[in-house]
């Protein structure tokens, strides 16, 4: 399924769009909740409240259980996020090698702070305790791609390459 980020005025898909998607996914009590949530997020770019209610109804699960799963897993978002998630490492090795300059460069180039999405919905920025790539310090990820031994100048070139692809 291809990802489609919504650009509705309020950022929310309509009830009809939600129902159409869940019909196509054949969501029922026997469906895999995590798989359904992943498919819905792939389609809408996040998990709209209306979709969570409809999933709860169709799967005959309390809405609190659906919300519990969504809030437990870091992969799920209940607000629109950019198409590409940037994760800047704040681990010890990265910190020692200048991760603060890398984060500053990302924030400056994109005009956003941690926890924000660019207005064009291309990037979402977050920091993480460790990417597990200490040998690449300082490092960041965009989606599933690791970038290491970063400088502020390299950050600018990397970000430009994603803006061209989007």
Protein backbone atom coordinates (compact mmCIF):
# COMPACT_ATOMS: atom_id res chain seq x y z
CA UNK A 1 0.00 0.00 0.00
CA UNK A 2 1.37 3.40 -0.85
CA UNK A 3 1.49 6.17 1.70
CA UNK A 4 -0.78 9.15 1.14
CA UNK A 5 -0.44 12.11 3.46
CA UNK A 6 -3.71 14.02 3.75
CA UNK A 7 -3.81 17.70 3.03
CA UNK A 8 -7.36 18.39 4.15
CA UNK A 9 -7.90 21.75 5.80
CA UNK A 10 -7.99 20.24 9.29
CA UNK A 11 -5.50 17.47 8.43
CA UNK A 12 -8.11 14.78 9.01
CA UNK A 13 -9.47 12.28 6.50
CA UNK A 14 -13.24 12.18 6.13
CA UNK A 15 -15.39 9.48 7.70
CA UNK A 16 -16.07 8.15 4.20
CA UNK A 17 -12.34 7.82 3.48
CA UNK A 18 -11.85 5.94 6.76
CA UNK A 19 -14.77 3.60 6.10
CA UNK A 20 -13.61 2.95 2.52
CA UNK A 21 -10.11 2.03 3.71
CA UNK A 22 -11.32 -0.22 6.54
CA UNK A 23 -13.76 -1.93 4.14
CA UNK A 24 -10.91 -2.55 1.72
CA UNK A 25 -8.79 -3.96 4.57
CA UNK A 26 -11.74 -6.13 5.60
CA UNK A 27 -11.36 -5.11 9.26
CA UNK A 28 -13.28 -7.44 11.55
CA UNK A 29 -12.92 -8.95 15.06
CA UNK A 30 -10.42 -11.50 13.71
CA UNK A 31 -8.12 -8.87 12.20
CA UNK A 32 -4.63 -8.26 13.56
CA UNK A 33 -4.86 -4.95 15.42
CA UNK A 34 -1.22 -3.94 14.92
CA UNK A 35 -1.36 -4.82 11.23
CA UNK A 36 -4.55 -2.77 10.78
CA UNK A 37 -3.01 0.20 12.61
CA UNK A 38 0.09 -0.01 10.41
CA UNK A 39 -2.01 -0.11 7.23
CA UNK A 40 -4.15 2.83 8.33
CA UNK A 41 -1.07 4.86 9.27
CA UNK A 42 0.60 3.98 5.95
CA UNK A 43 -2.47 5.33 4.13
CA UNK A 44 -3.09 8.49 6.16
CA UNK A 45 0.39 9.25 7.52
CA UNK A 46 -0.93 9.03 11.09
CA UNK A 47 -3.80 7.44 13.04
CA UNK A 48 -6.81 9.77 13.02
CA UNK A 49 -9.15 9.61 16.00
CA UNK A 50 -12.08 8.72 13.76
CA UNK A 51 -10.18 5.74 12.38
CA UNK A 52 -9.33 4.50 15.90
CA UNK A 53 -13.03 4.67 16.87
CA UNK A 54 -14.07 2.80 13.72
CA UNK A 55 -11.36 0.15 14.24
CA UNK A 56 -12.56 -0.26 17.83
CA UNK A 57 -16.15 -0.70 16.66
CA UNK A 58 -15.33 -3.15 13.87
CA UNK A 59 -12.92 -5.25 15.92
CA UNK A 60 -15.24 -5.19 18.96
CA UNK A 61 -12.42 -3.88 21.16
CA UNK A 62 -12.69 -1.19 23.81
CA UNK A 63 -11.36 2.11 22.45
CA UNK A 64 -9.08 2.24 25.50
CA UNK A 65 -7.37 -0.98 24.35
CA UNK A 66 -6.81 0.42 20.85
CA UNK A 67 -5.39 3.63 22.36
CA UNK A 68 -3.24 1.52 24.69
CA UNK A 69 -1.61 -0.25 21.76
CA UNK A 70 -1.14 3.01 19.84
CA UNK A 71 0.48 4.75 22.81
CA UNK A 72 2.70 1.76 23.67
CA UNK A 73 4.44 1.52 20.29
CA UNK A 74 6.64 4.43 19.21
CA UNK A 75 5.92 3.67 15.54
CA UNK A 76 2.37 5.00 15.80
CA UNK A 77 1.42 8.67 15.53
CA UNK A 78 -1.95 10.25 16.35
CA UNK A 79 -1.09 13.56 14.71
CA UNK A 80 0.08 14.21 11.14
CA UNK A 81 3.81 13.64 10.69
CA UNK A 82 6.07 14.36 7.79
CA UNK A 83 6.71 11.77 5.14
CA UNK A 84 10.30 11.35 6.41
CA UNK A 85 11.12 11.03 10.11
CA UNK A 86 14.53 12.38 11.07
CA UNK A 87 16.02 10.90 14.23
CA UNK A 88 19.02 12.75 15.63
CA UNK A 89 21.11 10.74 18.08
CA UNK A 90 21.83 12.20 21.51
CA UNK A 91 23.87 9.23 22.78
CA UNK A 92 27.19 9.68 24.56
CA UNK A 93 29.44 9.01 21.57
CA UNK A 94 27.39 11.33 19.36
CA UNK A 95 27.26 13.99 22.06
CA UNK A 96 31.05 13.93 22.46
CA UNK A 97 31.48 14.23 18.68
CA UNK A 98 29.13 17.18 18.26
CA UNK A 99 25.56 15.93 17.91
CA UNK A 100 24.25 19.26 19.20
CA UNK A 101 25.68 20.98 16.08
CA UNK A 102 23.98 18.36 13.92
CA UNK A 103 20.61 18.89 15.59
CA UNK A 104 21.06 22.67 15.31
CA UNK A 105 21.82 22.31 11.59
CA UNK A 106 18.70 20.21 10.99
CA UNK A 107 16.54 22.66 12.92
CA UNK A 108 18.03 25.64 11.11
CA UNK A 109 17.73 24.13 7.63
CA UNK A 110 14.14 22.98 8.15
CA UNK A 111 12.90 25.78 10.40
CA UNK A 112 11.40 23.35 12.93
CA UNK A 113 12.16 22.15 16.45
CA UNK A 114 12.16 18.64 17.90
CA UNK A 115 8.67 17.16 17.79
CA UNK A 116 7.58 19.31 14.84
CA UNK A 117 6.71 18.67 11.21
CA UNK A 118 7.70 20.94 8.34
CA UNK A 119 4.75 22.89 6.87
CA UNK A 120 5.12 20.97 3.58
CA UNK A 121 4.72 17.65 5.49
CA UNK A 122 8.06 16.34 4.18
CA UNK A 123 9.98 16.03 7.49
CA UNK A 124 9.25 15.27 11.14
CA UNK A 125 12.11 15.77 13.63
CA UNK A 126 12.78 13.84 16.82
CA UNK A 127 15.77 13.02 18.98
CA UNK A 128 16.57 9.57 20.33
CA UNK A 129 18.72 8.40 23.23
CA UNK A 130 20.84 6.17 20.98
CA UNK A 131 20.77 4.88 17.42
CA UNK A 132 23.24 2.12 18.22
CA UNK A 133 25.73 3.38 15.65
CA UNK A 134 28.39 4.82 17.94
CA UNK A 135 31.13 4.07 15.41
CA UNK A 136 29.39 6.54 13.04
CA UNK A 137 29.12 9.37 15.58
CA UNK A 138 27.66 11.88 15.22
CA UNK A 139 24.75 10.15 13.48
CA UNK A 140 21.14 10.56 12.43
CA UNK A 141 18.55 8.50 10.60
CA UNK A 142 16.03 9.50 8.00
CA UNK A 143 13.45 6.76 7.71
CA UNK A 144 15.53 3.57 7.81
CA UNK A 145 18.68 5.13 6.36
CA UNK A 146 21.62 5.87 8.69
CA UNK A 147 23.94 8.83 8.15
CA UNK A 148 27.16 9.07 10.12
CA UNK A 149 30.31 11.09 10.67
CA UNK A 150 28.09 14.10 10.07
CA UNK A 151 29.00 17.74 9.78
CA UNK A 152 26.49 20.59 9.56
CA UNK A 153 27.40 20.98 5.87
CA UNK A 154 26.67 17.29 5.13
CA UNK A 155 23.32 17.62 6.89
CA UNK A 156 22.26 20.34 4.44
CA UNK A 157 23.16 18.21 1.43
CA UNK A 158 21.39 15.15 2.85
CA UNK A 159 18.19 17.10 3.52
CA UNK A 160 18.25 18.60 0.02
CA UNK A 161 18.40 15.12 -1.49
CA UNK A 162 15.16 14.17 0.31
CA UNK A 163 13.37 17.36 -0.66
CA UNK A 164 14.10 16.61 -4.32
CA UNK A 165 12.72 13.04 -3.95
CA UNK A 166 9.51 14.08 -2.19
